Amino acid sequence: MNPIRTPTRLAACLTILGLAACMDDVTAPVDPALDASATVLSASAPDPPAGLVNVSSGATDLDIWPWTGHDFAGGTADPLNLIFTGDVDIVSLRAALLALDGNRTAYGFPNAFPFNCRWTDAHGEMQSAFSEGDGWVANAVQLQCGSYNPLRFHLRLFAAGPWVIAGTHFDLLIPNTPEHQVISWELAEQVLLVDFLRSGLLAAAPAFVPLGAPGYVQTIPAILYDGMPASLRAAIGGPPSSGGAPVPVPTNGVAVLLNIGTRAPITPDLTETDFVVPFNQLIPRPFCSQGAADYVLVQGPVALTTRTRVNDEGMMESHNELRGDLDITPIDVTTGLPSGPTFRAQISEIDNTGAGPLGTHVNAVQQRKALPPGVGFLMKHMITGPNGMAYFTYRENC
């Protein structure tokens, strides 16, 4: 067994509490603004992505895509870094993590936020994954350890035939937005490894499975990196400063294989959260962009709701919403002054998921709509379900 790579840089005195101060019944509505000029991309029963990797555990094996994605086109989002085999299902994995306390000091982590966090249900964008077992699926379960604001370990779980595959990362809330920035995959992987060792459910020692070449697929913008506390930069193994350049988020190309010998008991429960995140940030126009210099100032409250219920039969259902009515002002980035009239925009994300004895399903709809004098409409709709059902539609009208 490879040793647990618990970082010695996490000294007992480490605290990251100063971060806050420094710094995903749904139907897809067809908007009347959509016309023949709209960009429409859709895929039903999409083809497998390139680059599948075979993973073995005992007498069984499975071909998996070593990434998560945003759709079924094969573009990468996060590296896949956790694989569960044995007596496993998604709802019992959720139950196992929710049952743990936040004491990881026996494995070298300090008794300080976020390393003493406890797992809860989470709100986040839906992602996709592919395996020979279930084809294209979206994450029916997502959990967080920490908090949406400012900092958390974020886990997405995907069905993969008799296995479960997962992507986890450490992320922080980008100031004055509802969006997160990934700052480490490896540290989140270590926390999950420690937590399943603590769970007592493993049938064998963890194994480490190569899924691809080490490297990086994301970077942290310099201005965001330099705004992080020094203790946080050290915790993720980053340089003291950005030097004015984006900082890569490395991945070692290895996933942890966890063989589950005993399922955690599943008990009925209901969790609900409601909170508001202020949006007040200059960003590239997110759709219908006119070029690299097309920026808009986005202002207004964004409301997020998460509701997760497990019934007496062990079926888990979740309903997540993100909604906002926002003021959008085009900005000339050369002067910092408005370059057009302020207009209103409506944004929404509505995700319904289910997981249980009959399999998993996801129905996720994302919409962005500019109201006159603004122009543009964007909709993404992802559906996945048992028996390989998978459908994705992207509509953009400018």
Protein backbone atom coordinates (compact mmCIF):
# COMPACT_ATOMS: atom_id res chain seq x y z
CA MET A 1 0.00 0.00 0.00
CA ASN A 2 1.27 3.46 -0.81
CA PRO A 3 1.65 5.66 2.24
CA ILE A 4 -0.99 8.29 2.88
CA ARG A 5 0.51 11.50 1.65
CA THR A 6 -0.65 13.68 4.56
CA PRO A 7 1.14 16.99 4.05
CA THR A 8 3.57 17.96 6.78
CA ARG A 9 3.08 21.59 5.72
CA LEU A 10 -0.29 21.51 7.53
CA ALA A 11 1.15 22.49 10.87
CA ALA A 12 -1.11 22.38 13.90
CA CYS A 13 -1.08 26.16 14.07
CA LEU A 14 -2.52 26.52 10.55
CA THR A 15 -5.73 28.50 10.30
CA ILE A 16 -7.52 29.71 7.19
CA LEU A 17 -10.24 31.60 8.99
CA GLY A 18 -8.92 34.83 7.51
CA LEU A 19 -9.97 33.84 3.99
CA ALA A 20 -13.39 35.51 4.13
CA ALA A 21 -11.83 38.84 5.03
CA CYS A 22 -9.43 38.83 2.08
CA MET A 23 -11.06 38.17 -0.49
CA ASP A 24 -26.58 23.11 -9.35
CA ASP A 25 -40.91 18.55 -11.90
CA VAL A 26 -38.32 20.34 -14.36
CA THR A 27 -39.11 20.84 -18.00
CA ALA A 28 -37.04 22.87 -20.42
CA PRO A 29 -39.13 25.88 -21.47
CA VAL A 30 -38.73 27.08 -25.03
CA ASP A 31 -38.35 30.83 -25.00
CA PRO A 32 -40.30 32.75 -27.69
CA ALA A 33 -37.10 34.65 -28.49
CA LEU A 34 -35.65 31.47 -30.00
CA ASP A 35 -35.77 31.49 -33.77
CA ALA A 36 -34.01 29.99 -36.75
CA SER A 37 -30.86 31.99 -35.99
CA ALA A 38 -30.35 30.19 -32.67
CA THR A 39 -27.35 27.91 -32.21
CA VAL A 40 -28.70 24.46 -31.27
CA LEU A 41 -26.43 21.57 -30.34
CA SER A 42 -27.98 18.33 -29.11
CA ALA A 43 -26.95 14.75 -28.57
CA SER A 44 -29.12 11.73 -27.79
CA ALA A 45 -27.41 8.41 -26.99
CA PRO A 46 -24.04 10.13 -27.55
CA ASP A 47 -20.89 8.25 -28.48
CA PRO A 48 -18.24 7.32 -25.89
CA PRO A 49 -15.41 9.83 -25.46
CA ALA A 50 -11.88 9.06 -26.57
CA GLY A 51 -9.26 7.90 -24.10
CA LEU A 52 -11.06 5.30 -21.97
CA VAL A 53 -8.88 3.61 -19.34
CA ASN A 54 -9.33 0.05 -18.08
CA VAL A 55 -9.36 -0.32 -14.29
CA SER A 56 -9.27 -3.70 -12.52
CA SER A 57 -10.32 -4.70 -9.02
CA GLY A 58 -10.03 -8.40 -8.20
CA ALA A 59 -11.83 -10.42 -10.88
CA THR A 60 -13.75 -7.41 -12.24
CA ASP A 61 -12.74 -4.53 -14.45
CA LEU A 62 -14.30 -1.48 -16.04
CA ASP A 63 -13.47 0.99 -18.81
CA ILE A 64 -13.86 4.57 -17.60
CA TRP A 65 -13.17 8.05 -18.92
CA PRO A 66 -10.59 9.63 -16.59
CA TRP A 67 -12.36 13.01 -16.56
CA THR A 68 -15.61 14.70 -15.74
CA GLY A 69 -17.17 17.02 -18.33
CA HIS A 70 -19.80 19.71 -18.78
CA ASP A 71 -21.71 17.82 -21.51
CA PHE A 72 -21.29 14.70 -23.69
CA ALA A 73 -18.83 16.16 -26.19
CA GLY A 74 -15.65 14.91 -24.50
CA GLY A 75 -14.38 18.27 -23.23
CA THR A 76 -12.75 17.95 -19.81
CA ALA A 77 -13.76 19.63 -16.57
CA ASP A 78 -12.04 17.87 -13.63
CA PRO A 79 -9.84 14.79 -13.37
CA LEU A 80 -11.58 11.69 -12.05
CA ASN A 81 -9.73 10.85 -8.83
CA LEU A 82 -11.84 8.40 -6.78
CA ILE A 83 -13.12 4.94 -7.74
CA PHE A 84 -15.34 2.83 -5.47
CA THR A 85 -15.79 -0.91 -5.95
CA GLY A 86 -17.08 -3.81 -3.85
CA ASP A 87 -20.38 -3.59 -1.95
CA VAL A 88 -21.09 -0.05 -3.03
CA ASP A 89 -23.85 2.31 -4.04
CA ILE A 90 -24.13 6.07 -4.20
CA VAL A 91 -26.66 6.59 -1.41
CA SER A 92 -24.67 4.49 1.07
CA LEU A 93 -21.48 6.42 0.23
CA ARG A 94 -23.34 9.64 1.02
CA ALA A 95 -24.53 8.14 4.32
CA ALA A 96 -20.99 7.07 5.22
CA LEU A 97 -19.60 10.58 4.81
CA LEU A 98 -22.50 12.33 6.56
CA ALA A 99 -21.97 10.08 9.61
CA LEU A 100 -18.35 11.17 10.17
CA ASP A 101 -17.20 13.84 12.57
CA GLY A 102 -14.57 16.43 11.60
CA ASN A 103 -11.67 15.08 13.64
CA ARG A 104 -8.83 14.19 11.22
CA THR A 105 -5.99 15.01 13.59
CA ALA A 106 -4.86 11.35 13.78
CA TYR A 107 -3.94 11.64 10.08
CA GLY A 108 -1.98 14.86 10.41
CA PHE A 109 -4.68 17.40 9.61
CA PRO A 110 -5.07 20.32 12.03
CA ASN A 111 -8.14 21.00 14.15
CA ALA A 112 -8.84 24.13 12.09
CA PHE A 113 -11.23 25.13 9.34
CA PRO A 114 -11.63 23.70 6.74
CA PHE A 115 -9.75 20.55 7.81
CA ASN A 116 -12.13 19.87 10.71
CA CYS A 117 -15.22 20.20 8.51
CA ARG A 118 -18.16 17.78 8.32
CA TRP A 119 -19.84 16.59 5.13
CA THR A 120 -23.22 17.96 4.04
CA ASP A 121 -25.29 17.98 0.84
CA ALA A 122 -24.06 20.57 -1.63
CA HIS A 123 -25.10 22.92 -4.40
CA GLY A 124 -22.99 22.96 -7.56
CA GLU A 125 -23.02 22.75 -11.33
CA MET A 126 -23.97 19.40 -12.84
CA GLN A 127 -21.13 17.53 -14.53
CA SER A 128 -20.97 14.41 -16.71
CA ALA A 129 -18.90 11.22 -16.59
CA PHE A 130 -18.62 8.08 -18.74
CA SER A 131 -18.08 4.42 -17.97
CA GLU A 132 -18.65 1.18 -19.83
CA GLY A 133 -21.07 0.30 -17.03
CA ASP A 134 -23.69 3.08 -17.33
CA GLY A 135 -22.57 5.14 -20.33
CA TRP A 136 -22.92 8.91 -19.97
CA VAL A 137 -24.26 9.97 -16.57
CA ALA A 138 -24.48 13.15 -14.53
CA ASN A 139 -23.71 13.40 -10.83
CA ALA A 140 -26.77 12.27 -8.88
CA VAL A 141 -25.10 13.11 -5.56
CA GLN A 142 -22.82 15.97 -4.60
CA LEU A 143 -21.48 16.77 -1.16
CA GLN A 144 -19.33 19.42 0.44
CA CYS A 145 -17.08 19.60 3.46
CA GLY A 146 -16.74 23.21 4.51
CA SER A 147 -19.13 25.85 3.24
CA TYR A 148 -20.24 27.31 -0.09
CA ASN A 149 -18.74 30.58 1.10
CA PRO A 150 -15.79 30.83 1.43
CA LEU A 151 -14.09 27.44 1.10
CA ARG A 152 -14.97 23.75 0.71
CA PHE A 153 -14.01 20.27 -0.41
CA HIS A 154 -16.52 19.39 -3.14
CA LEU A 155 -17.40 15.84 -4.18
CA ARG A 156 -19.48 14.60 -7.14
CA LEU A 157 -20.56 10.92 -7.31
CA PHE A 158 -21.46 9.13 -10.56
CA ALA A 159 -22.99 5.69 -11.21
CA ALA A 160 -20.72 3.31 -13.16
CA GLY A 161 -22.50 -0.04 -13.43
CA PRO A 162 -21.68 -1.95 -10.22
CA TRP A 163 -19.04 0.66 -9.33
CA VAL A 164 -19.17 4.35 -8.39
CA ILE A 165 -16.70 6.91 -9.75
CA ALA A 166 -16.11 10.39 -8.44
CA GLY A 167 -14.36 13.69 -8.88
CA THR A 168 -13.41 15.80 -5.89
CA HIS A 169 -11.65 19.12 -5.56
CA PHE A 170 -10.88 21.90 -3.09
CA ASP A 171 -12.45 25.19 -4.17
CA LEU A 172 -13.12 28.72 -2.98
CA LEU A 173 -15.86 31.18 -3.79
CA ILE A 174 -14.73 33.85 -6.22
CA PRO A 175 -15.41 37.13 -4.41
CA ASN A 176 -18.68 38.85 -5.30
CA THR A 177 -19.90 35.98 -7.51
CA PRO A 178 -21.74 32.67 -7.01
CA GLU A 179 -18.92 30.85 -8.84
CA HIS A 180 -16.08 28.73 -7.43
CA GLN A 181 -12.43 28.41 -8.37
CA VAL A 182 -10.73 25.02 -8.09
CA ILE A 183 -7.47 25.42 -6.17
CA SER A 184 -6.48 21.76 -5.57
CA TRP A 185 -7.50 18.25 -6.61
CA GLU A 186 -4.82 16.40 -4.65
CA LEU A 187 -5.66 17.86 -1.23
CA ALA A 188 -9.35 16.99 -1.65
CA GLU A 189 -8.40 13.46 -2.70
CA GLN A 190 -6.33 13.08 0.48
CA VAL A 191 -9.24 14.23 2.66
CA LEU A 192 -11.57 11.67 1.03
CA LEU A 193 -9.00 8.91 1.44
CA VAL A 194 -8.63 9.73 5.13
CA ASP A 195 -12.39 9.85 5.63
CA PHE A 196 -12.99 6.42 4.11
CA LEU A 197 -10.17 5.01 6.23
CA ARG A 198 -11.98 6.54 9.23
CA SER A 199 -15.33 5.09 8.10
CA GLY A 200 -14.30 1.48 8.82
CA LEU A 201 -16.07 0.31 5.65
CA LEU A 202 -13.06 -0.69 3.54
CA ALA A 203 -12.52 -4.37 2.72
CA ALA A 204 -8.92 -3.88 1.61
CA ALA A 205 -6.14 -1.32 1.68
CA PRO A 206 -6.65 1.53 -0.80
CA ALA A 207 -4.93 1.16 -4.16
CA PHE A 208 -3.61 3.89 -6.46
CA VAL A 209 -4.60 3.58 -10.12
CA PRO A 210 -2.88 5.50 -12.93
CA LEU A 211 -5.46 7.18 -15.16
CA GLY A 212 -3.30 9.52 -17.19
CA ALA A 213 -0.19 11.63 -17.35
CA PRO A 214 0.45 14.19 -14.60
CA GLY A 215 -0.17 17.78 -15.57
CA TYR A 216 -2.85 20.43 -15.22
CA VAL A 217 -6.05 21.46 -16.97
CA GLN A 218 -6.94 24.53 -14.91
CA THR A 219 -5.13 27.55 -13.56
CA ILE A 220 -5.86 30.02 -10.75
CA PRO A 221 -5.93 33.64 -11.96
CA ALA A 222 -3.02 35.62 -10.53
CA ILE A 223 -5.21 38.25 -8.86
CA LEU A 224 -7.23 35.55 -7.09
CA TYR A 225 -4.17 33.52 -6.08
CA ASP A 226 -2.39 36.50 -4.61
CA GLY A 227 -5.53 37.40 -2.62
CA MET A 228 -5.48 34.02 -0.84
CA PRO A 229 -3.93 33.86 2.66
CA ALA A 230 -0.34 32.60 2.71
CA SER A 231 -1.47 29.61 4.82
CA LEU A 232 -3.92 28.58 2.11
CA ARG A 233 -1.30 28.88 -0.65
CA ALA A 234 1.01 26.70 1.47
CA ALA A 235 -1.74 24.14 2.18
CA ILE A 236 -2.23 23.46 -1.54
CA GLY A 237 1.52 23.30 -2.16
CA GLY A 238 1.54 26.45 -4.28
CA PRO A 239 4.25 29.08 -4.72
CA PRO A 240 4.46 32.06 -2.34
CA SER A 241 3.03 34.33 -5.04
CA SER A 242 1.82 34.14 -8.61
CA GLY A 243 4.55 36.34 -10.05
CA GLY A 244 1.80 37.93 -12.11
CA ALA A 245 0.98 34.73 -14.06
CA PRO A 246 -1.86 32.20 -13.68
CA VAL A 247 -0.92 29.41 -11.24
CA PRO A 248 -1.45 25.83 -12.50
CA VAL A 249 -3.61 23.43 -10.48
CA PRO A 250 -1.65 20.17 -10.81
CA THR A 251 -3.01 16.63 -10.96
CA ASN A 252 -0.82 13.55 -10.57
CA GLY A 253 -2.93 11.46 -12.97
CA VAL A 254 -3.68 8.89 -10.24
CA ALA A 255 -7.04 7.90 -8.73
CA VAL A 256 -7.60 6.24 -5.36
CA LEU A 257 -9.38 2.86 -5.64
CA LEU A 258 -11.48 2.13 -2.54
CA ASN A 259 -12.91 -1.36 -2.05
CA ILE A 260 -16.04 -1.08 0.10
CA GLY A 261 -16.70 -4.20 2.19
CA THR A 262 -19.74 -3.02 4.15
CA ARG A 263 -22.40 -0.51 3.19
CA ALA A 264 -23.15 2.31 5.59
CA PRO A 265 -26.72 2.13 6.89
CA ILE A 266 -29.14 4.40 5.04
CA THR A 267 -31.69 6.17 7.21
CA PRO A 268 -34.52 8.51 6.13
CA ASP A 269 -33.56 12.16 6.31
CA LEU A 270 -34.38 15.60 4.97
CA THR A 271 -31.90 18.47 4.61
CA GLU A 272 -32.67 21.96 3.35
CA THR A 273 -30.53 25.06 2.89
CA ASP A 274 -31.37 28.52 1.56
CA PHE A 275 -28.90 31.36 1.21
CA VAL A 276 -28.11 34.39 -0.94
CA VAL A 277 -24.81 35.28 -2.60
CA PRO A 278 -24.27 38.84 -3.88
CA PHE A 279 -23.10 39.24 -7.47
CA ASN A 280 -21.05 42.41 -7.96
CA GLN A 281 -18.25 41.69 -10.38
CA LEU A 282 -16.86 42.68 -13.77
CA ILE A 283 -16.76 39.52 -15.92
CA PRO A 284 -16.40 38.53 -19.58
CA ARG A 285 -19.86 38.46 -21.16
CA PRO A 286 -20.89 34.83 -20.47
CA PHE A 287 -22.79 34.29 -23.74
CA CYS A 288 -23.31 36.12 -27.02
CA SER A 289 -19.85 37.61 -26.54
CA GLN A 290 -18.51 40.04 -29.15
CA GLY A 291 -14.87 39.28 -28.40
CA ALA A 292 -12.16 39.16 -25.77
CA ALA A 293 -12.79 42.76 -24.69
CA ASP A 294 -16.56 42.27 -24.21
CA TYR A 295 -17.02 42.72 -20.45
CA VAL A 296 -20.10 43.40 -18.33
CA LEU A 297 -20.60 44.49 -14.73
CA VAL A 298 -23.06 42.08 -13.10
CA GLN A 299 -24.88 43.20 -9.95
CA GLY A 300 -27.64 41.75 -7.81
CA PRO A 301 -28.53 38.95 -5.37
CA VAL A 302 -28.41 35.28 -6.37
CA ALA A 303 -30.57 32.92 -4.29
CA LEU A 304 -29.58 29.27 -3.87
CA THR A 305 -31.74 26.47 -2.48
CA THR A 306 -30.80 22.85 -1.83
CA ARG A 307 -33.28 20.20 -0.68
CA THR A 308 -32.35 16.52 -0.29
CA ARG A 309 -34.63 13.77 0.97
CA VAL A 310 -34.06 10.04 1.60
CA ASN A 311 -37.24 7.98 2.04
CA ASP A 312 -37.93 4.74 3.92
CA GLU A 313 -37.02 2.66 0.84
CA GLY A 314 -33.54 4.20 0.59
CA MET A 315 -34.40 6.39 -2.42
CA MET A 316 -32.64 9.77 -2.42
CA GLU A 317 -34.10 12.75 -4.26
CA SER A 318 -32.60 16.21 -4.47
CA HIS A 319 -33.82 19.54 -5.82
CA ASN A 320 -31.35 22.39 -6.28
CA GLU A 321 -32.14 25.89 -7.55
CA LEU A 322 -30.13 28.99 -8.35
CA ARG A 323 -32.04 32.13 -9.36
CA GLY A 324 -31.19 35.76 -9.85
CA ASP A 325 -32.60 38.96 -11.37
CA LEU A 326 -29.49 40.96 -12.18
CA ASP A 327 -28.45 44.36 -13.49
CA ILE A 328 -26.00 44.10 -16.41
CA THR A 329 -23.90 47.07 -17.53
CA PRO A 330 -21.58 46.80 -20.57
CA ILE A 331 -18.16 48.19 -19.70
CA ASP A 332 -15.37 49.57 -21.91
CA VAL A 333 -12.36 47.84 -20.38
CA THR A 334 -9.98 50.48 -21.75
CA THR A 335 -11.67 53.24 -19.73
CA GLY A 336 -13.64 51.38 -17.06
CA LEU A 337 -16.73 53.36 -18.07
CA PRO A 338 -20.14 52.08 -19.25
CA SER A 339 -20.28 51.45 -22.99
CA GLY A 340 -24.02 50.90 -23.20
CA PRO A 341 -27.25 51.09 -21.19
CA THR A 342 -27.80 48.91 -18.15
CA PHE A 343 -30.31 46.11 -18.71
CA ARG A 344 -31.84 43.31 -16.69
CA ALA A 345 -31.04 39.61 -16.97
CA GLN A 346 -32.65 36.54 -15.45
CA ILE A 347 -30.53 33.51 -14.57
CA SER A 348 -31.65 30.15 -13.27
CA GLU A 349 -30.36 26.64 -12.72
CA ILE A 350 -32.82 23.92 -11.68
CA ASP A 351 -31.48 20.44 -10.99
CA ASN A 352 -33.51 17.39 -9.97
CA THR A 353 -31.69 14.16 -9.18
CA GLY A 354 -32.57 10.73 -7.86
CA ALA A 355 -30.58 7.71 -6.70
CA GLY A 356 -31.65 4.40 -5.22
CA PRO A 357 -32.29 0.72 -5.85
CA LEU A 358 -33.57 1.37 -9.40
CA GLY A 359 -30.57 3.44 -10.47
CA THR A 360 -29.85 7.14 -10.83
CA HIS A 361 -31.33 9.96 -12.88
CA VAL A 362 -30.62 13.66 -13.39
CA ASN A 363 -32.64 16.43 -15.02
CA ALA A 364 -30.73 19.73 -15.10
CA VAL A 365 -31.74 22.97 -16.83
CA GLN A 366 -29.63 26.15 -16.96
CA GLN A 367 -30.97 29.40 -18.48
CA ARG A 368 -29.58 32.89 -19.02
CA LYS A 369 -31.91 35.52 -20.52
CA ALA A 370 -31.19 39.18 -21.26
CA LEU A 371 -34.19 41.54 -21.20
CA PRO A 372 -34.37 44.58 -23.58
CA PRO A 373 -32.29 46.60 -24.22
CA GLY A 374 -30.04 43.58 -23.65
CA VAL A 375 -29.85 40.80 -26.24
CA GLY A 376 -29.37 37.08 -25.88
CA PHE A 377 -30.72 33.82 -24.55
CA LEU A 378 -28.86 30.69 -23.44
CA MET A 379 -30.23 27.33 -22.37
CA LYS A 380 -28.49 24.06 -21.47
CA HIS A 381 -30.52 20.96 -20.69
CA MET A 382 -28.96 17.67 -19.52
CA ILE A 383 -30.89 14.46 -18.82
CA THR A 384 -29.37 11.14 -17.79
CA GLY A 385 -31.01 8.02 -16.47
CA PRO A 386 -30.88 4.23 -16.18
CA ASN A 387 -30.10 1.99 -19.15
CA GLY A 388 -27.84 4.51 -20.84
CA MET A 389 -30.42 7.29 -21.30
CA ALA A 390 -28.51 10.51 -22.02
CA TYR A 391 -29.58 13.74 -23.69
CA PHE A 392 -27.98 17.19 -23.84
CA THR A 393 -29.21 20.33 -25.60
CA TYR A 394 -27.44 23.67 -25.91
CA ARG A 395 -29.35 26.68 -27.33
CA GLU A 396 -27.88 30.13 -27.76
CA ASN A 397 -29.76 32.94 -29.51
CA CYS A 398 -28.05 36.28 -30.08
